[in-house]
Amino acid sequence: MTFNQIIQSDKPVLVDFFAEWCGPCKMMGPILKDVKQEIGETATIVKVDVDKNPQAASQFQVQGVPTLILFKKGEVLWRQSGVIPKKGLVEIINKFLNQ
């Protein structure tokens, strides 16, 4: 499945644009695991390494990492750079679930 196919999903897809060398990106890993446990199958979480997938990063003008973008049916619903706490991410995903 390609990146563009994944973000076309009917359910929200949270994409974490990250880099292996990025300290704050490493902090997002455990947070995203906790978010996934809380939201279950209601949304998909995908990690995209900007160094290995520069085309995806440039397609969405990702300037810094980590950058989180929430997609639904290929549209960007929300985006933010930096480390975001679990509670905030869960609230954002839940807000867009019923749209």
PDB file of N, CA and C in Angstrom:
ATOM      1  N   MET A   1       0.847  -1.186   0.000  1.00  0.00           N
ATOM      2  CA  MET A   1       0.000   0.000   0.000  1.00  0.00           C
ATOM      3  C   MET A   1       0.895   1.252   0.000  1.00  0.00           C
ATOM      4  N   THR A   2       0.574   2.219  -0.823  1.00  0.00           N
ATOM      5  CA  THR A   2       1.387   3.432  -0.881  1.00  0.00           C
ATOM      6  C   THR A   2       0.926   4.437   0.167  1.00  0.00           C
ATOM      7  N   PHE A   3       1.781   5.418   0.418  1.00  0.00           N
ATOM      8  CA  PHE A   3       1.449   6.476   1.369  1.00  0.00           C
ATOM      9  C   PHE A   3       0.147   7.163   0.969  1.00  0.00           C
ATOM     10  N   ASN A   4       0.022   7.500  -0.317  1.00  0.00           N
ATOM     11  CA  ASN A   4      -1.181   8.197  -0.773  1.00  0.00           C
ATOM     12  C   ASN A   4      -2.437   7.340  -0.639  1.00  0.00           C
ATOM     13  N   GLN A   5      -2.300   6.026  -0.784  1.00  0.00           N
ATOM     14  CA  GLN A   5      -3.455   5.139  -0.573  1.00  0.00           C
ATOM     15  C   GLN A   5      -3.845   5.112   0.903  1.00  0.00           C
ATOM     16  N   ILE A   6      -2.842   5.090   1.767  1.00  0.00           N
ATOM     17  CA  ILE A   6      -3.107   5.037   3.211  1.00  0.00           C
ATOM     18  C   ILE A   6      -3.874   6.272   3.668  1.00  0.00           C
ATOM     19  N   ILE A   7      -3.448   7.467   3.217  1.00  0.00           N
ATOM     20  CA  ILE A   7      -4.101   8.692   3.706  1.00  0.00           C
ATOM     21  C   ILE A   7      -5.461   8.941   3.062  1.00  0.00           C
ATOM     22  N   GLN A   8      -5.850   8.107   2.081  1.00  0.00           N
ATOM     23  CA  GLN A   8      -7.180   8.224   1.482  1.00  0.00           C
ATOM     24  C   GLN A   8      -8.248   7.509   2.324  1.00  0.00           C
ATOM     25  N   SER A   9      -7.848   6.927   3.431  1.00  0.00           N
ATOM     26  CA  SER A   9      -8.749   6.131   4.263  1.00  0.00           C
ATOM     27  C   SER A   9      -9.956   6.938   4.748  1.00  0.00           C
ATOM     28  N   ASP A  10     -11.073   6.217   4.966  1.00  0.00           N
ATOM     29  CA  ASP A  10     -12.269   6.844   5.517  1.00  0.00           C
ATOM     30  C   ASP A  10     -12.105   7.159   6.994  1.00  0.00           C
ATOM     31  N   LYS A  11     -11.202   6.417   7.654  1.00  0.00           N
ATOM     32  CA  LYS A  11     -10.973   6.732   9.065  1.00  0.00           C
ATOM     33  C   LYS A  11      -9.734   7.628   9.163  1.00  0.00           C
ATOM     34  N   PRO A  12      -9.636   8.441  10.221  1.00  0.00           N
ATOM     35  CA  PRO A  12      -8.499   9.350  10.340  1.00  0.00           C
ATOM     36  C   PRO A  12      -7.163   8.609  10.346  1.00  0.00           C
ATOM     37  N   VAL A  13      -6.165   9.220   9.715  1.00  0.00           N
ATOM     38  CA  VAL A  13      -4.815   8.675   9.666  1.00  0.00           C
ATOM     39  C   VAL A  13      -3.874   9.746  10.212  1.00  0.00           C
ATOM     40  N   LEU A  14      -3.231   9.440  11.335  1.00  0.00           N
ATOM     41  CA  LEU A  14      -2.269  10.354  11.927  1.00  0.00           C
ATOM     42  C   LEU A  14      -0.887   9.963  11.423  1.00  0.00           C
ATOM     43  N   VAL A  15      -0.229  10.895  10.739  1.00  0.00           N
ATOM     44  CA  VAL A  15       1.097  10.622  10.190  1.00  0.00           C
ATOM     45  C   VAL A  15       2.127  11.390  11.006  1.00  0.00           C
ATOM     46  N   ASP A  16       3.113  10.657  11.511  1.00  0.00           N
ATOM     47  CA  ASP A  16       4.227  11.236  12.257  1.00  0.00           C
ATOM     48  C   ASP A  16       5.428  11.300  11.316  1.00  0.00           C
ATOM     49  N   PHE A  17       5.738  12.503  10.837  1.00  0.00           N
ATOM     50  CA  PHE A  17       6.948  12.699  10.037  1.00  0.00           C
ATOM     51  C   PHE A  17       8.100  12.878  11.016  1.00  0.00           C
ATOM     52  N   PHE A  18       9.076  11.965  10.954  1.00  0.00           N
ATOM     53  CA  PHE A  18      10.158  11.959  11.939  1.00  0.00           C
ATOM     54  C   PHE A  18      11.495  11.702  11.264  1.00  0.00           C
ATOM     55  N   ALA A  19      12.562  11.798  12.064  1.00  0.00           N
ATOM     56  CA  ALA A  19      13.904  11.433  11.605  1.00  0.00           C
ATOM     57  C   ALA A  19      14.600  10.683  12.732  1.00  0.00           C
ATOM     58  N   GLU A  20      15.430   9.713  12.353  1.00  0.00           N
ATOM     59  CA  GLU A  20      16.137   8.886  13.348  1.00  0.00           C
ATOM     60  C   GLU A  20      17.018   9.723  14.276  1.00  0.00           C
ATOM     61  N   TRP A  21      17.589  10.806  13.755  1.00  0.00           N
ATOM     62  CA  TRP A  21      18.545  11.615  14.514  1.00  0.00           C
ATOM     63  C   TRP A  21      17.871  12.668  15.401  1.00  0.00           C
ATOM     64  N   CYS A  22      16.562  12.727  15.365  1.00  0.00           N
ATOM     65  CA  CYS A  22      15.820  13.803  16.035  1.00  0.00           C
ATOM     66  C   CYS A  22      15.416  13.395  17.456  1.00  0.00           C
ATOM     67  N   GLY A  23      15.928  14.134  18.455  1.00  0.00           N
ATOM     68  CA  GLY A  23      15.616  13.854  19.858  1.00  0.00           C
ATOM     69  C   GLY A  23      14.131  13.919  20.176  1.00  0.00           C
ATOM     70  N   PRO A  24      13.458  15.039  19.852  1.00  0.00           N
ATOM     71  CA  PRO A  24      12.013  15.120  20.130  1.00  0.00           C
ATOM     72  C   PRO A  24      11.210  14.026  19.430  1.00  0.00           C
ATOM     73  N   CYS A  25      11.687  13.575  18.255  1.00  0.00           N
ATOM     74  CA  CYS A  25      10.983  12.495  17.544  1.00  0.00           C
ATOM     75  C   CYS A  25      10.998  11.215  18.381  1.00  0.00           C
ATOM     76  N   LYS A  26      12.126  10.967  19.048  1.00  0.00           N
ATOM     77  CA  LYS A  26      12.234   9.771  19.894  1.00  0.00           C
ATOM     78  C   LYS A  26      11.233   9.845  21.056  1.00  0.00           C
ATOM     79  N   MET A  27      10.955  11.061  21.525  1.00  0.00           N
ATOM     80  CA  MET A  27       9.987  11.236  22.607  1.00  0.00           C
ATOM     81  C   MET A  27       8.569  10.927  22.127  1.00  0.00           C
ATOM     82  N   MET A  28       8.300  11.151  20.841  1.00  0.00           N
ATOM     83  CA  MET A  28       6.953  10.914  20.306  1.00  0.00           C
ATOM     84  C   MET A  28       6.623   9.425  20.198  1.00  0.00           C
ATOM     85  N   GLY A  29       7.639   8.560  20.039  1.00  0.00           N
ATOM     86  CA  GLY A  29       7.401   7.127  19.885  1.00  0.00           C
ATOM     87  C   GLY A  29       6.498   6.537  20.957  1.00  0.00           C
ATOM     88  N   PRO A  30       6.908   6.644  22.246  1.00  0.00           N
ATOM     89  CA  PRO A  30       6.066   6.085  23.318  1.00  0.00           C
ATOM     90  C   PRO A  30       4.704   6.776  23.421  1.00  0.00           C
ATOM     91  N   ILE A  31       4.653   8.071  23.131  1.00  0.00           N
ATOM     92  CA  ILE A  31       3.379   8.794  23.178  1.00  0.00           C
ATOM     93  C   ILE A  31       2.424   8.218  22.135  1.00  0.00           C
ATOM     94  N   LEU A  32       2.929   7.974  20.925  1.00  0.00           N
ATOM     95  CA  LEU A  32       2.082   7.429  19.860  1.00  0.00           C
ATOM     96  C   LEU A  32       1.615   6.013  20.187  1.00  0.00           C
ATOM     97  N   LYS A  33       2.476   5.234  20.855  1.00  0.00           N
ATOM     98  CA  LYS A  33       2.054   3.884  21.284  1.00  0.00           C
ATOM     99  C   LYS A  33       0.878   3.977  22.256  1.00  0.00           C
ATOM    100  N   ASP A  34       0.983   4.916  23.214  1.00  0.00           N
ATOM    101  CA  ASP A  34      -0.102   5.108  24.189  1.00  0.00           C
ATOM    102  C   ASP A  34      -1.382   5.588  23.503  1.00  0.00           C
ATOM    103  N   VAL A  35      -1.236   6.502  22.551  1.00  0.00           N
ATOM    104  CA  VAL A  35      -2.400   6.998  21.806  1.00  0.00           C
ATOM    105  C   VAL A  35      -3.068   5.840  21.080  1.00  0.00           C
ATOM    106  N   LYS A  36      -2.269   4.996  20.415  1.00  0.00           N
ATOM    107  CA  LYS A  36      -2.811   3.859  19.671  1.00  0.00           C
ATOM    108  C   LYS A  36      -3.588   2.921  20.594  1.00  0.00           C
ATOM    109  N   GLN A  37      -3.047   2.693  21.792  1.00  0.00           N
ATOM    110  CA  GLN A  37      -3.753   1.823  22.746  1.00  0.00           C
ATOM    111  C   GLN A  37      -5.096   2.422  23.122  1.00  0.00           C
ATOM    112  N   GLU A  38      -5.146   3.745  23.271  1.00  0.00           N
ATOM    113  CA  GLU A  38      -6.389   4.392  23.693  1.00  0.00           C
ATOM    114  C   GLU A  38      -7.419   4.468  22.564  1.00  0.00           C
ATOM    115  N   ILE A  39      -6.978   4.767  21.346  1.00  0.00           N
ATOM    116  CA  ILE A  39      -7.938   4.955  20.249  1.00  0.00           C
ATOM    117  C   ILE A  39      -8.257   3.655  19.520  1.00  0.00           C
ATOM    118  N   GLY A  40      -7.401   2.652  19.683  1.00  0.00           N
ATOM    119  CA  GLY A  40      -7.651   1.358  19.047  1.00  0.00           C
ATOM    120  C   GLY A  40      -7.729   1.463  17.534  1.00  0.00           C
ATOM    121  N   GLU A  41      -8.779   0.874  16.961  1.00  0.00           N
ATOM    122  CA  GLU A  41      -8.926   0.822  15.499  1.00  0.00           C
ATOM    123  C   GLU A  41      -9.686   2.011  14.921  1.00  0.00           C
ATOM    124  N   THR A  42     -10.010   3.002  15.750  1.00  0.00           N
ATOM    125  CA  THR A  42     -10.788   4.140  15.243  1.00  0.00           C
ATOM    126  C   THR A  42      -9.964   5.026  14.320  1.00  0.00           C
ATOM    127  N   ALA A  43      -8.640   4.953  14.427  1.00  0.00           N
ATOM    128  CA  ALA A  43      -7.757   5.734  13.560  1.00  0.00           C
ATOM    129  C   ALA A  43      -6.480   4.945  13.324  1.00  0.00           C
ATOM    130  N   THR A  44      -5.759   5.321  12.285  1.00  0.00           N
ATOM    131  CA  THR A  44      -4.501   4.670  11.938  1.00  0.00           C
ATOM    132  C   THR A  44      -3.359   5.626  12.266  1.00  0.00           C
ATOM    133  N   ILE A  45      -2.266   5.086  12.780  1.00  0.00           N
ATOM    134  CA  ILE A  45      -1.078   5.902  13.037  1.00  0.00           C
ATOM    135  C   ILE A  45       0.055   5.357  12.179  1.00  0.00           C
ATOM    136  N   VAL A  46       0.677   6.253  11.414  1.00  0.00           N
ATOM    137  CA  VAL A  46       1.751   5.876  10.495  1.00  0.00           C
ATOM    138  C   VAL A  46       2.960   6.758  10.778  1.00  0.00           C
ATOM    139  N   LYS A  47       4.145   6.140  10.800  1.00  0.00           N
ATOM    140  CA  LYS A  47       5.380   6.898  10.963  1.00  0.00           C
ATOM    141  C   LYS A  47       6.092   6.970   9.611  1.00  0.00           C
ATOM    142  N   VAL A  48       6.534   8.178   9.240  1.00  0.00           N
ATOM    143  CA  VAL A  48       7.229   8.372   7.965  1.00  0.00           C
ATOM    144  C   VAL A  48       8.588   9.013   8.256  1.00  0.00           C
ATOM    145  N   ASP A  49       9.646   8.287   7.923  1.00  0.00           N
ATOM    146  CA  ASP A  49      11.007   8.794   8.091  1.00  0.00           C
ATOM    147  C   ASP A  49      11.295   9.767   6.947  1.00  0.00           C
ATOM    148  N   VAL A  50      11.508  11.047   7.282  1.00  0.00           N
ATOM    149  CA  VAL A  50      11.690  12.066   6.239  1.00  0.00           C
ATOM    150  C   VAL A  50      12.968  11.854   5.434  1.00  0.00           C
ATOM    151  N   ASP A  51      13.965  11.195   6.038  1.00  0.00           N
ATOM    152  CA  ASP A  51      15.208  10.939   5.313  1.00  0.00           C
ATOM    153  C   ASP A  51      15.037   9.819   4.282  1.00  0.00           C
ATOM    154  N   LYS A  52      14.164   8.864   4.580  1.00  0.00           N
ATOM    155  CA  LYS A  52      13.927   7.752   3.663  1.00  0.00           C
ATOM    156  C   LYS A  52      12.788   8.036   2.684  1.00  0.00           C
ATOM    157  N   ASN A  53      11.942   8.998   3.021  1.00  0.00           N
ATOM    158  CA  ASN A  53      10.781   9.333   2.179  1.00  0.00           C
ATOM    159  C   ASN A  53      10.705  10.835   1.933  1.00  0.00           C
ATOM    160  N   PRO A  54      11.723  11.405   1.309  1.00  0.00           N
ATOM    161  CA  PRO A  54      11.725  12.866   1.129  1.00  0.00           C
ATOM    162  C   PRO A  54      10.569  13.371   0.275  1.00  0.00           C
ATOM    163  N   GLN A  55      10.067  12.527  -0.641  1.00  0.00           N
ATOM    164  CA  GLN A  55       8.962  12.975  -1.492  1.00  0.00           C
ATOM    165  C   GLN A  55       7.692  13.205  -0.677  1.00  0.00           C
ATOM    166  N   ALA A  56       7.414  12.338   0.289  1.00  0.00           N
ATOM    167  CA  ALA A  56       6.224  12.519   1.133  1.00  0.00           C
ATOM    168  C   ALA A  56       6.374  13.774   1.994  1.00  0.00           C
ATOM    169  N   ALA A  57       7.585  13.984   2.523  1.00  0.00           N
ATOM    170  CA  ALA A  57       7.835  15.162   3.350  1.00  0.00           C
ATOM    171  C   ALA A  57       7.673  16.444   2.533  1.00  0.00           C
ATOM    172  N   SER A  58       8.205  16.454   1.322  1.00  0.00           N
ATOM    173  CA  SER A  58       8.109  17.673   0.517  1.00  0.00           C
ATOM    174  C   SER A  58       6.693  17.885  -0.001  1.00  0.00           C
ATOM    175  N   GLN A  59       5.964  16.795  -0.251  1.00  0.00           N
ATOM    176  CA  GLN A  59       4.579  16.896  -0.717  1.00  0.00           C
ATOM    177  C   GLN A  59       3.724  17.695   0.273  1.00  0.00           C
ATOM    178  N   PHE A  60       4.026  17.550   1.566  1.00  0.00           N
ATOM    179  CA  PHE A  60       3.245  18.242   2.600  1.00  0.00           C
ATOM    180  C   PHE A  60       4.054  19.347   3.295  1.00  0.00           C
ATOM    181  N   GLN A  61       5.103  19.819   2.625  1.00  0.00           N
ATOM    182  CA  GLN A  61       5.935  20.916   3.116  1.00  0.00           C
ATOM    183  C   GLN A  61       6.347  20.744   4.577  1.00  0.00           C
ATOM    184  N   VAL A  62       6.814  19.550   4.904  1.00  0.00           N
ATOM    185  CA  VAL A  62       7.289  19.300   6.263  1.00  0.00           C
ATOM    186  C   VAL A  62       8.667  19.949   6.393  1.00  0.00           C
ATOM    187  N   GLN A  63       8.752  20.996   7.221  1.00  0.00           N
ATOM    188  CA  GLN A  63       9.998  21.748   7.396  1.00  0.00           C
ATOM    189  C   GLN A  63      10.806  21.228   8.580  1.00  0.00           C
ATOM    190  N   GLY A  64      10.110  20.853   9.643  1.00  0.00           N
ATOM    191  CA  GLY A  64      10.786  20.390  10.853  1.00  0.00           C
ATOM    192  C   GLY A  64      10.194  19.084  11.320  1.00  0.00           C
ATOM    193  N   VAL A  65      10.959  18.378  12.128  1.00  0.00           N
ATOM    194  CA  VAL A  65      10.476  17.112  12.679  1.00  0.00           C
ATOM    195  C   VAL A  65      10.524  17.183  14.207  1.00  0.00           C
ATOM    196  N   PRO A  66       9.627  16.542  14.903  1.00  0.00           N
ATOM    197  CA  PRO A  66       8.481  15.809  14.353  1.00  0.00           C
ATOM    198  C   PRO A  66       7.379  16.763  13.876  1.00  0.00           C
ATOM    199  N   THR A  67       6.728  16.389  12.796  1.00  0.00           N
ATOM    200  CA  THR A  67       5.509  17.066  12.344  1.00  0.00           C
ATOM    201  C   THR A  67       4.432  16.003  12.258  1.00  0.00           C
ATOM    202  N   LEU A  68       3.311  16.286  12.900  1.00  0.00           N
ATOM    203  CA  LEU A  68       2.178  15.361  12.890  1.00  0.00           C
ATOM    204  C   LEU A  68       1.089  15.951  12.016  1.00  0.00           C
ATOM    205  N   ILE A  69       0.559  15.139  11.109  1.00  0.00           N
ATOM    206  CA  ILE A  69      -0.520  15.579  10.231  1.00  0.00           C
ATOM    207  C   ILE A  69      -1.636  14.541  10.301  1.00  0.00           C
ATOM    208  N   LEU A  70      -2.859  15.024  10.503  1.00  0.00           N
ATOM    209  CA  LEU A  70      -4.025  14.143  10.550  1.00  0.00           C
ATOM    210  C   LEU A  70      -4.773  14.251   9.223  1.00  0.00           C
ATOM    211  N   PHE A  71      -4.914  13.106   8.553  1.00  0.00           N
ATOM    212  CA  PHE A  71      -5.597  13.041   7.261  1.00  0.00           C
ATOM    213  C   PHE A  71      -6.902  12.279   7.396  1.00  0.00           C
ATOM    214  N   LYS A  72      -7.831  12.587   6.529  1.00  0.00           N
ATOM    215  CA  LYS A  72      -9.029  11.770   6.357  1.00  0.00           C
ATOM    216  C   LYS A  72      -9.450  11.939   4.911  1.00  0.00           C
ATOM    217  N   LYS A  73      -9.590  10.819   4.195  1.00  0.00           N
ATOM    218  CA  LYS A  73      -9.924  10.830   2.768  1.00  0.00           C
ATOM    219  C   LYS A  73      -8.955  11.719   1.980  1.00  0.00           C
ATOM    220  N   GLY A  74      -7.695  11.703   2.373  1.00  0.00           N
ATOM    221  CA  GLY A  74      -6.669  12.432   1.641  1.00  0.00           C
ATOM    222  C   GLY A  74      -6.552  13.906   1.978  1.00  0.00           C
ATOM    223  N   GLU A  75      -7.445  14.407   2.818  1.00  0.00           N
ATOM    224  CA  GLU A  75      -7.417  15.823   3.175  1.00  0.00           C
ATOM    225  C   GLU A  75      -6.722  16.023   4.514  1.00  0.00           C
ATOM    226  N   VAL A  76      -5.972  17.128   4.613  1.00  0.00           N
ATOM    227  CA  VAL A  76      -5.319  17.473   5.873  1.00  0.00           C
ATOM    228  C   VAL A  76      -6.358  18.121   6.782  1.00  0.00           C
ATOM    229  N   LEU A  77      -6.604  17.486   7.936  1.00  0.00           N
ATOM    230  CA  LEU A  77      -7.559  18.028   8.899  1.00  0.00           C
ATOM    231  C   LEU A  77      -6.856  18.901   9.937  1.00  0.00           C
ATOM    232  N   TRP A  78      -5.606  18.521  10.239  1.00  0.00           N
ATOM    233  CA  TRP A  78      -4.881  19.185  11.323  1.00  0.00           C
ATOM    234  C   TRP A  78      -3.409  18.880  11.153  1.00  0.00           C
ATOM    235  N   ARG A  79      -2.558  19.834  11.562  1.00  0.00           N
ATOM    236  CA  ARG A  79      -1.116  19.562  11.562  1.00  0.00           C
ATOM    237  C   ARG A  79      -0.442  20.421  12.615  1.00  0.00           C
ATOM    238  N   GLN A  80       0.638  19.861  13.161  1.00  0.00           N
ATOM    239  CA  GLN A  80       1.413  20.597  14.160  1.00  0.00           C
ATOM    240  C   GLN A  80       2.811  20.000  14.237  1.00  0.00           C
ATOM    241  N   SER A  81       3.768  20.872  14.452  1.00  0.00           N
ATOM    242  CA  SER A  81       5.148  20.411  14.637  1.00  0.00           C
ATOM    243  C   SER A  81       5.488  20.406  16.112  1.00  0.00           C
ATOM    244  N   GLY A  82       6.413  19.527  16.474  1.00  0.00           N
ATOM    245  CA  GLY A  82       6.855  19.442  17.866  1.00  0.00           C
ATOM    246  C   GLY A  82       6.211  18.273  18.582  1.00  0.00           C
ATOM    247  N   VAL A  83       6.623  18.094  19.825  1.00  0.00           N
ATOM    248  CA  VAL A  83       6.106  16.999  20.653  1.00  0.00           C
ATOM    249  C   VAL A  83       4.733  17.393  21.185  1.00  0.00           C
ATOM    250  N   ILE A  84       3.778  16.518  21.029  1.00  0.00           N
ATOM    251  CA  ILE A  84       2.417  16.771  21.484  1.00  0.00           C
ATOM    252  C   ILE A  84       2.048  15.705  22.504  1.00  0.00           C
ATOM    253  N   PRO A  85       1.536  16.116  23.668  1.00  0.00           N
ATOM    254  CA  PRO A  85       1.192  15.123  24.693  1.00  0.00           C
ATOM    255  C   PRO A  85       0.052  14.214  24.255  1.00  0.00           C
ATOM    256  N   LYS A  86       0.035  13.018  24.851  1.00  0.00           N
ATOM    257  CA  LYS A  86      -0.959  12.000  24.500  1.00  0.00           C
ATOM    258  C   LYS A  86      -2.381  12.544  24.605  1.00  0.00           C
ATOM    259  N   LYS A  87      -2.690  13.218  25.696  1.00  0.00           N
ATOM    260  CA  LYS A  87      -4.056  13.704  25.921  1.00  0.00           C
ATOM    261  C   LYS A  87      -4.489  14.621  24.778  1.00  0.00           C
ATOM    262  N   GLY A  88      -3.596  15.512  24.364  1.00  0.00           N
ATOM    263  CA  GLY A  88      -3.915  16.434  23.281  1.00  0.00           C
ATOM    264  C   GLY A  88      -4.163  15.710  21.976  1.00  0.00           C
ATOM    265  N   LEU A  89      -3.336  14.719  21.669  1.00  0.00           N
ATOM    266  CA  LEU A  89      -3.489  13.957  20.422  1.00  0.00           C
ATOM    267  C   LEU A  89      -4.791  13.171  20.403  1.00  0.00           C
ATOM    268  N   VAL A  90      -5.114  12.536  21.521  1.00  0.00           N
ATOM    269  CA  VAL A  90      -6.354  11.757  21.595  1.00  0.00           C
ATOM    270  C   VAL A  90      -7.552  12.683  21.389  1.00  0.00           C
ATOM    271  N   GLU A  91      -7.514  13.877  22.005  1.00  0.00           N
ATOM    272  CA  GLU A  91      -8.618  14.831  21.848  1.00  0.00           C
ATOM    273  C   GLU A  91      -8.758  15.266  20.391  1.00  0.00           C
ATOM    274  N   ILE A  92      -7.644  15.527  19.733  1.00  0.00           N
ATOM    275  CA  ILE A  92      -7.668  15.957  18.333  1.00  0.00           C
ATOM    276  C   ILE A  92      -8.251  14.857  17.441  1.00  0.00           C
ATOM    277  N   ILE A  93      -7.783  13.631  17.627  1.00  0.00           N
ATOM    278  CA  ILE A  93      -8.291  12.508  16.815  1.00  0.00           C
ATOM    279  C   ILE A  93      -9.779  12.326  17.050  1.00  0.00           C
ATOM    280  N   ASN A  94     -10.204  12.343  18.320  1.00  0.00           N
ATOM    281  CA  ASN A  94     -11.618  12.143  18.636  1.00  0.00           C
ATOM    282  C   ASN A  94     -12.485  13.252  18.044  1.00  0.00           C
ATOM    283  N   LYS A  95     -11.944  14.473  18.024  1.00  0.00           N
ATOM    284  CA  LYS A  95     -12.684  15.615  17.471  1.00  0.00           C
ATOM    285  C   LYS A  95     -13.015  15.385  15.995  1.00  0.00           C
ATOM    286  N   PHE A  96     -12.099  14.766  15.253  1.00  0.00           N
ATOM    287  CA  PHE A  96     -12.305  14.578  13.820  1.00  0.00           C
ATOM    288  C   PHE A  96     -12.949  13.234  13.461  1.00  0.00           C
ATOM    289  N   LEU A  97     -13.132  12.359  14.443  1.00  0.00           N
ATOM    290  CA  LEU A  97     -13.685  11.027  14.155  1.00  0.00           C
ATOM    291  C   LEU A  97     -15.053  11.102  13.520  1.00  0.00           C
ATOM    292  N   ASN A  98     -15.871  12.020  14.001  1.00  0.00           N
ATOM    293  CA  ASN A  98     -17.269  12.050  13.564  1.00  0.00           C
ATOM    294  C   ASN A  98     -17.528  13.085  12.471  1.00  0.00           C
ATOM    295  N   GLN A  99     -16.481  13.563  11.834  1.00  0.00           N
ATOM    296  CA  GLN A  99     -16.690  14.571  10.780  1.00  0.00           C
ATOM    297  C   GLN A  99     -16.730  13.929   9.424  1.00  0.00           C
TER     298      GLN A  99
END
